Amino acid sequence: DVTSAAVLGHDNRILVVENTAEGAVGVMLDATDGSEVGRTDRYDSLQIGLVGAGSTGFVALSANAEGSELLHIDTDAHVETIDQGFYLVPVLNGHEVTYLTTSTLKRWSHEEPEVLLEGYVGAAAVDDHHVIATKETDDEIEFFYQHGGTGELEHAYTLPMAEGAASPLAGNGVGIKSLRTWVKGSTVLLQINGEGTNGSFVRIDTQGGHSDAPIENVTGLQ
């Protein structure tokens, strides 16, 4: 049975996950004529992840009782292991792959993964080119941006926590309970809602200009 499929513009490829009683196999097809290009090894499970405009290959997650593997599958069905662990979340798949683990944001490009940020971190791709990352401490949330999945993270803004706000380090909750994003040109707009009723509105300039928070820690922000 075919359970999932994804299309990659690079080299006109389609990756199909074929499940049998023995496990899951990734089958690479040529989108121009439907011919089979290659197959991966068999895994207990295989889930196709992100495909972006700049992707040169597929990102997939395999899982078994020992944990998970984050995989990169090129257009010839050759597989490289990006990382291993129990929490692996791809954020952006471009010329490089940016992803989260339990306590780090990392970047991979066919070599040993590079740690970009450590601690109580989160990240999201707001489009095919920009990653926004956060790091929470006891009394503040730091915001970072990364363009195109390449280059180091740049610090953009530090938002102070509201008095008495929940802290992940104290174990009484999280500073960011939900995050909404909008992109307007080179500016990313973020609405941050905390554990309680407080919310903030942050503007991040991804070209290195001025970033700020027009609204900080107000009650009832919708």
N, C-alpha and C. Protein backbone atom coordinates (compact mmCIF):
# COMPACT_ATOMS: atom_id res chain seq x y z
N ASP A 1 0.84 -1.19 0.00
CA ASP A 1 0.00 0.00 0.00
C ASP A 1 0.88 1.25 0.00
N VAL A 2 0.48 2.23 -0.75
CA VAL A 2 1.15 3.53 -0.74
C VAL A 2 0.48 4.41 0.30
N THR A 3 1.23 4.90 1.26
CA THR A 3 0.65 5.68 2.35
C THR A 3 0.93 7.17 2.24
N SER A 4 1.99 7.58 1.53
CA SER A 4 2.27 9.00 1.36
C SER A 4 3.18 9.19 0.16
N ALA A 5 3.20 10.44 -0.34
CA ALA A 5 4.05 10.77 -1.47
C ALA A 5 4.33 12.26 -1.44
N ALA A 6 5.45 12.66 -2.04
CA ALA A 6 5.82 14.07 -2.13
C ALA A 6 6.54 14.31 -3.44
N VAL A 7 6.41 15.54 -3.95
CA VAL A 7 7.00 15.91 -5.23
C VAL A 7 8.12 16.90 -5.00
N LEU A 8 9.23 16.70 -5.70
CA LEU A 8 10.39 17.59 -5.62
C LEU A 8 10.67 18.14 -7.01
N GLY A 9 10.70 19.48 -7.14
CA GLY A 9 10.98 20.09 -8.43
C GLY A 9 12.37 19.80 -8.92
N HIS A 10 13.34 19.71 -7.99
CA HIS A 10 14.72 19.43 -8.35
C HIS A 10 14.82 18.03 -8.98
N ASP A 11 15.24 17.96 -10.22
CA ASP A 11 15.38 16.70 -10.97
C ASP A 11 14.04 15.99 -11.23
N ASN A 12 12.91 16.66 -11.01
CA ASN A 12 11.59 16.09 -11.30
C ASN A 12 11.40 14.71 -10.66
N ARG A 13 11.39 14.72 -9.34
CA ARG A 13 11.31 13.45 -8.62
C ARG A 13 10.04 13.38 -7.76
N ILE A 14 9.55 12.15 -7.59
CA ILE A 14 8.46 11.86 -6.68
C ILE A 14 8.94 10.76 -5.73
N LEU A 15 8.78 10.99 -4.41
CA LEU A 15 9.10 9.96 -3.43
C LEU A 15 7.79 9.39 -2.89
N VAL A 16 7.66 8.08 -3.00
CA VAL A 16 6.46 7.37 -2.55
C VAL A 16 6.86 6.43 -1.42
N VAL A 17 6.08 6.41 -0.35
CA VAL A 17 6.31 5.45 0.74
C VAL A 17 5.39 4.25 0.53
N GLU A 18 6.01 3.10 0.36
CA GLU A 18 5.28 1.85 0.12
C GLU A 18 5.37 0.98 1.37
N ASN A 19 4.22 0.68 1.96
CA ASN A 19 4.16 -0.11 3.19
C ASN A 19 3.73 -1.54 2.91
N THR A 20 4.45 -2.48 3.52
CA THR A 20 4.09 -3.90 3.46
C THR A 20 4.13 -4.46 4.88
N ALA A 21 3.86 -5.74 5.00
CA ALA A 21 3.90 -6.38 6.31
C ALA A 21 5.31 -6.37 6.89
N GLU A 22 6.30 -6.26 6.02
CA GLU A 22 7.70 -6.29 6.48
C GLU A 22 8.23 -4.89 6.85
N GLY A 23 7.49 -3.84 6.50
CA GLY A 23 7.97 -2.50 6.82
C GLY A 23 7.69 -1.51 5.69
N ALA A 24 8.38 -0.38 5.74
CA ALA A 24 8.15 0.70 4.78
C ALA A 24 9.40 0.95 3.94
N VAL A 25 9.19 1.21 2.66
CA VAL A 25 10.28 1.47 1.72
C VAL A 25 9.97 2.77 0.98
N GLY A 26 10.99 3.61 0.79
CA GLY A 26 10.84 4.79 -0.03
C GLY A 26 11.18 4.46 -1.48
N VAL A 27 10.27 4.75 -2.38
CA VAL A 27 10.46 4.46 -3.80
C VAL A 27 10.57 5.78 -4.55
N MET A 28 11.70 5.99 -5.24
CA MET A 28 11.94 7.22 -5.99
C MET A 28 11.50 7.02 -7.44
N LEU A 29 10.65 7.93 -7.92
CA LEU A 29 10.14 7.86 -9.28
C LEU A 29 10.54 9.10 -10.07
N ASP A 30 10.73 8.92 -11.37
CA ASP A 30 10.94 10.04 -12.29
C ASP A 30 9.57 10.59 -12.67
N ALA A 31 9.35 11.88 -12.33
CA ALA A 31 8.03 12.48 -12.56
C ALA A 31 7.72 12.65 -14.04
N THR A 32 8.71 12.62 -14.88
CA THR A 32 8.46 12.85 -16.31
C THR A 32 7.87 11.64 -17.01
N ASP A 33 8.23 10.43 -16.54
CA ASP A 33 7.71 9.23 -17.22
C ASP A 33 7.21 8.14 -16.26
N GLY A 34 7.32 8.39 -14.94
CA GLY A 34 6.83 7.42 -13.97
C GLY A 34 7.75 6.24 -13.72
N SER A 35 8.94 6.24 -14.30
CA SER A 35 9.86 5.11 -14.11
C SER A 35 10.48 5.15 -12.72
N GLU A 36 10.85 3.98 -12.23
CA GLU A 36 11.48 3.87 -10.92
C GLU A 36 12.97 4.19 -11.01
N VAL A 37 13.43 5.09 -10.14
CA VAL A 37 14.83 5.49 -10.11
C VAL A 37 15.61 4.68 -9.09
N GLY A 38 15.01 4.40 -7.96
CA GLY A 38 15.70 3.65 -6.92
C GLY A 38 14.81 3.44 -5.72
N ARG A 39 15.32 2.66 -4.74
CA ARG A 39 14.59 2.36 -3.52
C ARG A 39 15.51 2.51 -2.31
N THR A 40 14.91 2.90 -1.19
CA THR A 40 15.67 2.96 0.06
C THR A 40 15.68 1.58 0.71
N ASP A 41 16.41 1.47 1.81
CA ASP A 41 16.30 0.28 2.65
C ASP A 41 14.91 0.23 3.26
N ARG A 42 14.59 -0.87 3.90
CA ARG A 42 13.30 -1.03 4.54
C ARG A 42 13.38 -0.56 5.99
N TYR A 43 12.36 0.16 6.45
CA TYR A 43 12.30 0.68 7.81
C TYR A 43 11.02 0.22 8.49
N ASP A 44 11.01 0.25 9.83
CA ASP A 44 9.78 -0.08 10.56
C ASP A 44 8.67 0.87 10.15
N SER A 45 9.01 2.16 10.05
CA SER A 45 8.05 3.16 9.56
C SER A 45 8.84 4.26 8.87
N LEU A 46 8.20 4.95 7.95
CA LEU A 46 8.87 6.01 7.20
C LEU A 46 7.84 7.09 6.87
N GLN A 47 8.16 8.31 7.29
CA GLN A 47 7.25 9.44 7.07
C GLN A 47 7.99 10.55 6.35
N ILE A 48 7.46 11.00 5.22
CA ILE A 48 8.08 12.08 4.46
C ILE A 48 7.84 13.39 5.17
N GLY A 49 8.91 14.20 5.28
CA GLY A 49 8.80 15.49 5.95
C GLY A 49 8.71 16.64 4.97
N LEU A 50 9.42 17.71 5.29
CA LEU A 50 9.30 18.96 4.55
C LEU A 50 9.91 18.89 3.16
N VAL A 51 9.23 19.55 2.21
CA VAL A 51 9.78 19.80 0.89
C VAL A 51 9.53 21.27 0.58
N GLY A 52 10.61 22.03 0.33
CA GLY A 52 10.48 23.45 0.05
C GLY A 52 10.92 23.79 -1.35
N ALA A 53 10.77 25.07 -1.70
CA ALA A 53 11.15 25.52 -3.05
C ALA A 53 12.63 25.32 -3.32
N GLY A 54 13.45 25.41 -2.27
CA GLY A 54 14.89 25.26 -2.46
C GLY A 54 15.43 23.88 -2.12
N SER A 55 14.55 22.92 -1.89
CA SER A 55 14.99 21.57 -1.49
C SER A 55 15.72 20.87 -2.62
N THR A 56 16.83 20.22 -2.29
CA THR A 56 17.57 19.41 -3.27
C THR A 56 17.37 17.92 -3.02
N GLY A 57 16.63 17.58 -1.97
CA GLY A 57 16.33 16.20 -1.64
C GLY A 57 15.15 16.17 -0.68
N PHE A 58 14.77 14.97 -0.30
CA PHE A 58 13.64 14.79 0.62
C PHE A 58 14.17 14.60 2.04
N VAL A 59 13.40 15.08 3.02
CA VAL A 59 13.66 14.79 4.42
C VAL A 59 12.58 13.84 4.90
N ALA A 60 12.97 12.81 5.63
CA ALA A 60 12.02 11.82 6.11
C ALA A 60 12.38 11.40 7.53
N LEU A 61 11.40 10.87 8.25
CA LEU A 61 11.60 10.42 9.62
C LEU A 61 11.27 8.94 9.69
N SER A 62 12.24 8.15 10.14
CA SER A 62 11.99 6.73 10.37
C SER A 62 11.97 6.49 11.88
N ALA A 63 11.21 5.50 12.31
CA ALA A 63 11.06 5.25 13.74
C ALA A 63 11.02 3.76 14.02
N ASN A 64 11.56 3.41 15.20
CA ASN A 64 11.45 2.05 15.71
C ASN A 64 11.48 2.13 17.24
N ALA A 65 11.56 0.98 17.91
CA ALA A 65 11.50 0.96 19.38
C ALA A 65 12.68 1.68 20.01
N GLU A 66 13.80 1.77 19.31
CA GLU A 66 15.00 2.39 19.86
C GLU A 66 15.01 3.91 19.69
N GLY A 67 14.08 4.45 18.91
CA GLY A 67 14.06 5.89 18.69
C GLY A 67 13.78 6.21 17.23
N SER A 68 14.18 7.41 16.84
CA SER A 68 13.91 7.88 15.49
C SER A 68 15.19 8.28 14.78
N GLU A 69 15.13 8.28 13.46
CA GLU A 69 16.22 8.79 12.63
C GLU A 69 15.65 9.84 11.68
N LEU A 70 16.34 10.97 11.60
CA LEU A 70 16.00 11.97 10.60
C LEU A 70 16.88 11.70 9.39
N LEU A 71 16.26 11.52 8.22
CA LEU A 71 16.98 11.07 7.03
C LEU A 71 16.91 12.11 5.93
N HIS A 72 17.96 12.14 5.11
CA HIS A 72 17.95 12.91 3.87
C HIS A 72 18.04 11.91 2.72
N ILE A 73 17.09 12.00 1.79
CA ILE A 73 17.03 11.08 0.66
C ILE A 73 17.23 11.89 -0.61
N ASP A 74 18.32 11.63 -1.34
CA ASP A 74 18.60 12.42 -2.54
C ASP A 74 17.78 11.90 -3.72
N THR A 75 17.94 12.53 -4.86
CA THR A 75 17.09 12.21 -6.02
C THR A 75 17.42 10.86 -6.65
N ASP A 76 18.48 10.20 -6.20
CA ASP A 76 18.79 8.84 -6.64
C ASP A 76 18.42 7.80 -5.61
N ALA A 77 17.69 8.22 -4.56
CA ALA A 77 17.25 7.35 -3.46
C ALA A 77 18.39 6.96 -2.54
N HIS A 78 19.50 7.69 -2.59
CA HIS A 78 20.58 7.47 -1.63
C HIS A 78 20.23 8.14 -0.31
N VAL A 79 20.41 7.42 0.80
CA VAL A 79 19.97 7.90 2.12
C VAL A 79 21.17 8.25 3.00
N GLU A 80 21.11 9.41 3.64
CA GLU A 80 22.06 9.80 4.66
C GLU A 80 21.31 10.04 5.97
N THR A 81 21.88 9.60 7.09
CA THR A 81 21.29 9.87 8.39
C THR A 81 21.73 11.24 8.88
N ILE A 82 20.75 12.11 9.12
CA ILE A 82 21.06 13.45 9.63
C ILE A 82 21.31 13.40 11.13
N ASP A 83 20.41 12.73 11.86
CA ASP A 83 20.53 12.67 13.32
C ASP A 83 19.67 11.54 13.83
N GLN A 84 19.91 11.18 15.11
CA GLN A 84 19.15 10.13 15.77
C GLN A 84 18.68 10.63 17.13
N GLY A 85 17.52 10.15 17.58
CA GLY A 85 17.00 10.56 18.88
C GLY A 85 15.51 10.30 18.97
N PHE A 86 14.91 10.73 20.09
CA PHE A 86 13.48 10.52 20.29
C PHE A 86 12.65 11.74 19.92
N TYR A 87 13.31 12.89 19.72
CA TYR A 87 12.58 14.10 19.33
C TYR A 87 13.38 14.80 18.24
N LEU A 88 12.92 14.67 17.00
CA LEU A 88 13.58 15.26 15.84
C LEU A 88 12.50 15.89 14.97
N VAL A 89 12.55 17.22 14.83
CA VAL A 89 11.51 17.93 14.10
C VAL A 89 12.15 18.79 13.01
N PRO A 90 11.97 18.44 11.74
CA PRO A 90 12.50 19.29 10.67
C PRO A 90 11.78 20.63 10.64
N VAL A 91 12.56 21.71 10.46
CA VAL A 91 12.01 23.07 10.44
C VAL A 91 12.06 23.65 9.03
N LEU A 92 13.20 23.46 8.34
CA LEU A 92 13.35 23.98 6.98
C LEU A 92 14.23 23.04 6.18
N ASN A 93 13.77 22.66 5.00
CA ASN A 93 14.53 21.82 4.08
C ASN A 93 14.86 22.65 2.85
N GLY A 94 16.08 23.16 2.79
CA GLY A 94 16.54 23.93 1.64
C GLY A 94 17.82 23.31 1.13
N HIS A 95 18.83 24.13 0.82
CA HIS A 95 20.13 23.58 0.50
C HIS A 95 20.75 22.92 1.72
N GLU A 96 20.31 23.36 2.91
CA GLU A 96 20.67 22.74 4.17
C GLU A 96 19.39 22.42 4.91
N VAL A 97 19.49 21.52 5.90
CA VAL A 97 18.31 21.13 6.68
C VAL A 97 18.46 21.69 8.09
N THR A 98 17.48 22.47 8.51
CA THR A 98 17.44 23.00 9.87
C THR A 98 16.38 22.23 10.64
N TYR A 99 16.72 21.79 11.88
CA TYR A 99 15.79 20.96 12.63
C TYR A 99 15.97 21.13 14.13
N LEU A 100 14.95 20.71 14.88
CA LEU A 100 14.95 20.79 16.35
C LEU A 100 15.16 19.41 16.96
N THR A 101 15.89 19.39 18.10
CA THR A 101 15.93 18.23 18.97
C THR A 101 15.31 18.67 20.30
N THR A 102 15.46 17.86 21.34
CA THR A 102 14.84 18.21 22.62
C THR A 102 15.38 19.51 23.20
N SER A 103 16.63 19.84 22.94
CA SER A 103 17.22 21.03 23.58
C SER A 103 18.13 21.83 22.65
N THR A 104 18.06 21.59 21.34
CA THR A 104 18.93 22.32 20.41
C THR A 104 18.20 22.59 19.10
N LEU A 105 18.67 23.63 18.43
CA LEU A 105 18.34 23.88 17.03
C LEU A 105 19.61 23.61 16.25
N LYS A 106 19.52 22.75 15.23
CA LYS A 106 20.71 22.33 14.49
C LYS A 106 20.54 22.56 13.00
N ARG A 107 21.69 22.57 12.31
CA ARG A 107 21.73 22.70 10.86
C ARG A 107 22.62 21.60 10.31
N TRP A 108 22.18 20.99 9.20
CA TRP A 108 22.92 19.87 8.60
C TRP A 108 23.12 20.13 7.12
N SER A 109 24.32 19.82 6.62
CA SER A 109 24.60 19.94 5.19
C SER A 109 25.61 18.88 4.79
N HIS A 110 25.18 17.61 4.86
CA HIS A 110 25.98 16.46 4.43
C HIS A 110 27.24 16.28 5.26
N GLU A 111 27.31 16.92 6.42
CA GLU A 111 28.42 16.75 7.35
C GLU A 111 27.84 16.63 8.76
N GLU A 112 28.71 16.65 9.78
CA GLU A 112 28.24 16.59 11.15
C GLU A 112 27.32 17.78 11.43
N PRO A 113 26.15 17.55 12.06
CA PRO A 113 25.24 18.65 12.32
C PRO A 113 25.89 19.73 13.19
N GLU A 114 25.54 20.97 12.91
CA GLU A 114 26.05 22.12 13.65
C GLU A 114 24.96 22.65 14.58
N VAL A 115 25.32 22.86 15.84
CA VAL A 115 24.37 23.40 16.81
C VAL A 115 24.28 24.91 16.63
N LEU A 116 23.08 25.41 16.38
CA LEU A 116 22.85 26.84 16.20
C LEU A 116 22.41 27.52 17.49
N LEU A 117 21.64 26.78 18.31
CA LEU A 117 21.08 27.36 19.52
C LEU A 117 20.80 26.24 20.51
N GLU A 118 21.10 26.49 21.80
CA GLU A 118 20.89 25.50 22.84
C GLU A 118 20.03 26.07 23.95
N GLY A 119 19.32 25.17 24.66
CA GLY A 119 18.50 25.58 25.78
C GLY A 119 17.05 25.20 25.55
N TYR A 120 16.13 25.97 26.13
CA TYR A 120 14.70 25.74 25.91
C TYR A 120 14.34 26.52 24.65
N VAL A 121 14.48 25.86 23.50
CA VAL A 121 14.40 26.56 22.22
C VAL A 121 13.20 26.07 21.40
N GLY A 122 12.76 26.93 20.51
CA GLY A 122 11.73 26.59 19.53
C GLY A 122 12.08 27.25 18.22
N ALA A 123 11.47 26.80 17.14
CA ALA A 123 11.77 27.39 15.84
C ALA A 123 10.65 27.06 14.86
N ALA A 124 10.52 27.92 13.86
CA ALA A 124 9.53 27.70 12.81
C ALA A 124 10.03 28.36 11.54
N ALA A 125 9.72 27.75 10.40
CA ALA A 125 9.98 28.38 9.10
C ALA A 125 8.75 29.19 8.75
N VAL A 126 8.91 30.50 8.62
CA VAL A 126 7.76 31.35 8.31
C VAL A 126 7.46 31.38 6.82
N ASP A 127 8.41 30.93 5.99
CA ASP A 127 8.20 30.73 4.56
C ASP A 127 9.30 29.78 4.09
N ASP A 128 9.54 29.72 2.80
CA ASP A 128 10.56 28.80 2.27
C ASP A 128 11.98 29.29 2.49
N HIS A 129 12.15 30.48 3.09
CA HIS A 129 13.49 31.06 3.18
C HIS A 129 13.91 31.50 4.58
N HIS A 130 12.96 31.69 5.50
CA HIS A 130 13.29 32.29 6.79
C HIS A 130 12.92 31.37 7.95
N VAL A 131 13.86 31.23 8.89
CA VAL A 131 13.61 30.54 10.15
C VAL A 131 13.63 31.57 11.27
N ILE A 132 12.62 31.53 12.12
CA ILE A 132 12.59 32.33 13.33
C ILE A 132 12.75 31.38 14.51
N ALA A 133 13.66 31.69 15.43
CA ALA A 133 13.92 30.83 16.58
C ALA A 133 13.73 31.61 17.88
N THR A 134 13.35 30.89 18.93
CA THR A 134 13.19 31.50 20.25
C THR A 134 13.96 30.70 21.28
N LYS A 135 14.39 31.41 22.33
CA LYS A 135 15.04 30.76 23.47
C LYS A 135 14.48 31.38 24.74
N GLU A 136 13.90 30.54 25.58
CA GLU A 136 13.29 31.02 26.82
C GLU A 136 14.23 30.83 28.01
N THR A 137 14.28 31.84 28.86
CA THR A 137 14.99 31.76 30.13
C THR A 137 14.00 32.06 31.24
N ASP A 138 14.50 32.25 32.47
CA ASP A 138 13.60 32.53 33.59
C ASP A 138 12.84 33.83 33.43
N ASP A 139 13.45 34.83 32.80
CA ASP A 139 12.83 36.16 32.80
C ASP A 139 12.74 36.82 31.44
N GLU A 140 13.06 36.10 30.35
CA GLU A 140 12.97 36.73 29.04
C GLU A 140 12.87 35.69 27.93
N ILE A 141 12.43 36.15 26.77
CA ILE A 141 12.40 35.33 25.56
C ILE A 141 13.26 36.03 24.52
N GLU A 142 14.27 35.33 24.02
CA GLU A 142 15.13 35.89 22.99
C GLU A 142 14.65 35.41 21.62
N PHE A 143 14.68 36.31 20.64
CA PHE A 143 14.26 36.00 19.28
C PHE A 143 15.46 36.10 18.34
N PHE A 144 15.55 35.12 17.42
CA PHE A 144 16.64 35.06 16.45
C PHE A 144 16.04 34.83 15.06
N TYR A 145 16.79 35.19 14.04
CA TYR A 145 16.34 34.91 12.68
C TYR A 145 17.49 34.31 11.87
N GLN A 146 17.13 33.51 10.89
CA GLN A 146 18.10 32.87 10.00
C GLN A 146 17.50 32.92 8.60
N HIS A 147 18.26 33.39 7.64
CA HIS A 147 17.76 33.55 6.27
C HIS A 147 18.16 32.38 5.40
N GLY A 148 17.18 31.78 4.76
CA GLY A 148 17.45 30.76 3.75
C GLY A 148 18.08 29.48 4.26
N GLY A 149 18.03 29.23 5.57
CA GLY A 149 18.62 28.02 6.10
C GLY A 149 20.13 28.03 6.10
N THR A 150 20.75 29.19 5.83
CA THR A 150 22.20 29.28 5.80
C THR A 150 22.66 30.40 6.70
N GLY A 151 23.90 30.31 7.14
CA GLY A 151 24.45 31.36 7.99
C GLY A 151 24.06 31.17 9.44
N GLU A 152 24.75 31.90 10.31
CA GLU A 152 24.50 31.81 11.74
C GLU A 152 23.19 32.52 12.08
N LEU A 153 22.62 32.12 13.22
CA LEU A 153 21.46 32.83 13.72
C LEU A 153 21.86 34.23 14.17
N GLU A 154 21.03 35.19 13.86
CA GLU A 154 21.26 36.57 14.28
C GLU A 154 20.24 36.92 15.37
N HIS A 155 20.74 37.52 16.47
CA HIS A 155 19.84 37.94 17.53
C HIS A 155 19.04 39.14 17.06
N ALA A 156 17.72 39.10 17.27
CA ALA A 156 16.85 40.18 16.79
C ALA A 156 16.27 41.02 17.92
N TYR A 157 15.79 40.34 18.98
CA TYR A 157 15.08 41.10 20.02
C TYR A 157 14.99 40.25 21.28
N THR A 158 14.92 40.92 22.43
CA THR A 158 14.71 40.24 23.71
C THR A 158 13.43 40.78 24.34
N LEU A 159 12.49 39.89 24.62
CA LEU A 159 11.21 40.26 25.20
C LEU A 159 11.21 39.87 26.68
N PRO A 160 11.04 40.84 27.59
CA PRO A 160 10.99 40.48 29.01
C PRO A 160 9.71 39.71 29.33
N MET A 161 9.83 38.74 30.23
CA MET A 161 8.65 38.00 30.68
C MET A 161 7.80 38.91 31.58
N ALA A 162 6.50 38.70 31.55
CA ALA A 162 5.62 39.40 32.47
C ALA A 162 5.89 38.93 33.89
N GLU A 163 5.68 39.81 34.85
CA GLU A 163 5.90 39.45 36.25
C GLU A 163 5.01 38.26 36.62
N GLY A 164 5.63 37.24 37.20
CA GLY A 164 4.89 36.05 37.61
C GLY A 164 4.58 35.10 36.48
N ALA A 165 5.15 35.32 35.30
CA ALA A 165 4.87 34.45 34.15
C ALA A 165 5.46 33.07 34.37
N ALA A 166 4.87 32.08 33.72
CA ALA A 166 5.38 30.72 33.80
C ALA A 166 6.76 30.64 33.18
N SER A 167 7.58 29.72 33.70
CA SER A 167 8.94 29.55 33.19
C SER A 167 9.23 28.08 32.99
N PRO A 168 9.73 27.69 31.81
CA PRO A 168 10.06 26.28 31.59
C PRO A 168 11.21 25.81 32.47
N LEU A 169 12.11 26.72 32.83
CA LEU A 169 13.24 26.35 33.66
C LEU A 169 12.81 26.10 35.11
N ALA A 170 11.75 26.82 35.52
CA ALA A 170 11.22 26.60 36.87
C ALA A 170 10.27 25.42 36.93
N GLY A 171 9.88 24.91 35.74
CA GLY A 171 9.02 23.75 35.68
C GLY A 171 7.55 24.04 35.93
N ASN A 172 7.15 25.31 35.83
CA ASN A 172 5.74 25.64 36.09
C ASN A 172 5.00 26.08 34.83
N GLY A 173 5.51 25.73 33.65
CA GLY A 173 4.84 26.07 32.41
C GLY A 173 5.81 26.59 31.38
N VAL A 174 5.26 27.18 30.31
CA VAL A 174 6.09 27.70 29.24
C VAL A 174 5.77 29.17 29.01
N GLY A 175 6.78 29.93 28.60
CA GLY A 175 6.57 31.34 28.31
C GLY A 175 5.77 31.54 27.04
N ILE A 176 5.96 30.64 26.07
CA ILE A 176 5.23 30.71 24.81
C ILE A 176 4.28 29.51 24.73
N LYS A 177 2.99 29.79 24.84
CA LYS A 177 2.00 28.72 24.72
C LYS A 177 1.55 28.56 23.28
N SER A 178 1.43 29.69 22.58
CA SER A 178 1.07 29.64 21.17
C SER A 178 1.75 30.79 20.45
N LEU A 179 1.98 30.59 19.15
CA LEU A 179 2.70 31.58 18.35
C LEU A 179 2.03 31.67 16.98
N ARG A 180 1.63 32.88 16.59
CA ARG A 180 1.06 33.11 15.27
C ARG A 180 2.02 34.00 14.49
N THR A 181 2.17 33.74 13.20
CA THR A 181 3.13 34.49 12.40
C THR A 181 2.49 35.02 11.12
N TRP A 182 2.99 36.18 10.70
CA TRP A 182 2.65 36.77 9.41
C TRP A 182 3.94 37.30 8.80
N VAL A 183 4.04 37.28 7.49
CA VAL A 183 5.22 37.81 6.80
C VAL A 183 4.79 38.95 5.90
N LYS A 184 5.47 40.08 6.06
CA LYS A 184 5.21 41.24 5.21
C LYS A 184 6.54 41.76 4.72
N GLY A 185 6.88 41.41 3.46
CA GLY A 185 8.19 41.77 2.94
C GLY A 185 9.29 41.08 3.72
N SER A 186 10.23 41.85 4.25
CA SER A 186 11.33 41.28 5.03
C SER A 186 11.02 41.29 6.53
N THR A 187 9.80 41.66 6.90
CA THR A 187 9.42 41.72 8.31
C THR A 187 8.52 40.55 8.68
N VAL A 188 8.85 39.88 9.78
CA VAL A 188 8.03 38.81 10.32
C VAL A 188 7.31 39.34 11.55
N LEU A 189 6.00 39.21 11.56
CA LEU A 189 5.17 39.66 12.67
C LEU A 189 4.77 38.45 13.50
N LEU A 190 4.97 38.54 14.81
CA LEU A 190 4.72 37.42 15.71
C LEU A 190 3.76 37.83 16.81
N GLN A 191 2.71 37.05 17.00
CA GLN A 191 1.85 37.22 18.16
C GLN A 191 2.15 36.08 19.12
N ILE A 192 2.62 36.43 20.32
CA ILE A 192 3.02 35.43 21.31
C ILE A 192 2.02 35.45 22.44
N ASN A 193 1.40 34.31 22.72
CA ASN A 193 0.50 34.17 23.85
C ASN A 193 1.14 33.27 24.89
N GLY A 194 1.15 33.73 26.14
CA GLY A 194 1.79 32.99 27.22
C GLY A 194 0.88 31.97 27.86
N GLU A 195 1.34 31.41 28.97
CA GLU A 195 0.60 30.37 29.68
C GLU A 195 -0.72 30.89 30.22
N GLY A 196 -0.74 32.16 30.65
CA GLY A 196 -1.97 32.75 31.18
C GLY A 196 -2.70 33.56 30.13
N THR A 197 -3.06 34.79 30.48
CA THR A 197 -3.82 35.63 29.56
C THR A 197 -2.96 36.69 28.89
N ASN A 198 -1.68 36.78 29.26
CA ASN A 198 -0.81 37.80 28.69
C ASN A 198 -0.39 37.46 27.27
N GLY A 199 -0.25 38.50 26.44
CA GLY A 199 0.22 38.32 25.08
C GLY A 199 1.10 39.48 24.66
N SER A 200 1.90 39.26 23.60
CA SER A 200 2.79 40.29 23.07
C SER A 200 2.78 40.22 21.56
N PHE A 201 3.19 41.32 20.95
CA PHE A 201 3.28 41.40 19.50
C PHE A 201 4.69 41.88 19.14
N VAL A 202 5.44 41.06 18.41
CA VAL A 202 6.85 41.33 18.11
C VAL A 202 7.04 41.45 16.61
N ARG A 203 7.88 42.42 16.19
CA ARG A 203 8.26 42.58 14.77
C ARG A 203 9.73 42.27 14.62
N ILE A 204 10.05 41.34 13.70
CA ILE A 204 11.43 40.94 13.44
C ILE A 204 11.80 41.33 12.02
N ASP A 205 12.84 42.14 11.88
CA ASP A 205 13.36 42.50 10.56
C ASP A 205 14.42 41.47 10.18
N THR A 206 14.14 40.63 9.19
CA THR A 206 15.05 39.55 8.81
C THR A 206 16.21 40.03 7.93
N GLN A 207 16.28 41.33 7.66
CA GLN A 207 17.41 41.88 6.92
C GLN A 207 18.40 42.59 7.85
N GLY A 208 18.19 42.45 9.15
CA GLY A 208 19.13 43.02 10.10
C GLY A 208 18.79 44.42 10.56
N GLY A 209 17.61 44.92 10.20
CA GLY A 209 17.20 46.25 10.62
C GLY A 209 16.60 46.24 12.01
N HIS A 210 15.78 47.23 12.30
CA HIS A 210 15.21 47.40 13.63
C HIS A 210 14.12 46.38 13.92
N SER A 211 14.23 45.69 15.04
CA SER A 211 13.19 44.78 15.52
C SER A 211 12.69 45.31 16.86
N ASP A 212 11.40 45.13 17.13
CA ASP A 212 10.85 45.66 18.38
C ASP A 212 9.59 44.90 18.76
N ALA A 213 8.99 45.34 19.87
CA ALA A 213 7.72 44.77 20.34
C ALA A 213 6.77 45.92 20.63
N PRO A 214 5.92 46.30 19.66
CA PRO A 214 4.97 47.40 19.90
C PRO A 214 4.02 47.12 21.06
N ILE A 215 3.74 45.83 21.30
CA ILE A 215 2.84 45.45 22.40
C ILE A 215 3.57 44.41 23.25
N GLU A 216 3.73 44.70 24.54
CA GLU A 216 4.42 43.78 25.44
C GLU A 216 3.54 43.42 26.63
N ASN A 217 3.29 42.12 26.78
CA ASN A 217 2.68 41.56 27.99
C ASN A 217 1.39 42.27 28.38
N VAL A 218 0.45 42.32 27.45
CA VAL A 218 -0.86 42.89 27.75
C VAL A 218 -1.87 41.76 27.92
N THR A 219 -2.93 42.04 28.63
CA THR A 219 -3.95 41.04 28.92
C THR A 219 -5.00 41.04 27.81
N GLY A 220 -5.38 39.84 27.38
CA GLY A 220 -6.48 39.71 26.45
C GLY A 220 -6.14 39.99 25.01
N LEU A 221 -4.88 39.84 24.61
CA LEU A 221 -4.51 40.04 23.21
C LEU A 221 -5.10 38.91 22.37
N GLN A 222 -5.87 39.26 21.34
CA GLN A 222 -6.53 38.27 20.51
C GLN A 222 -5.86 38.17 19.14
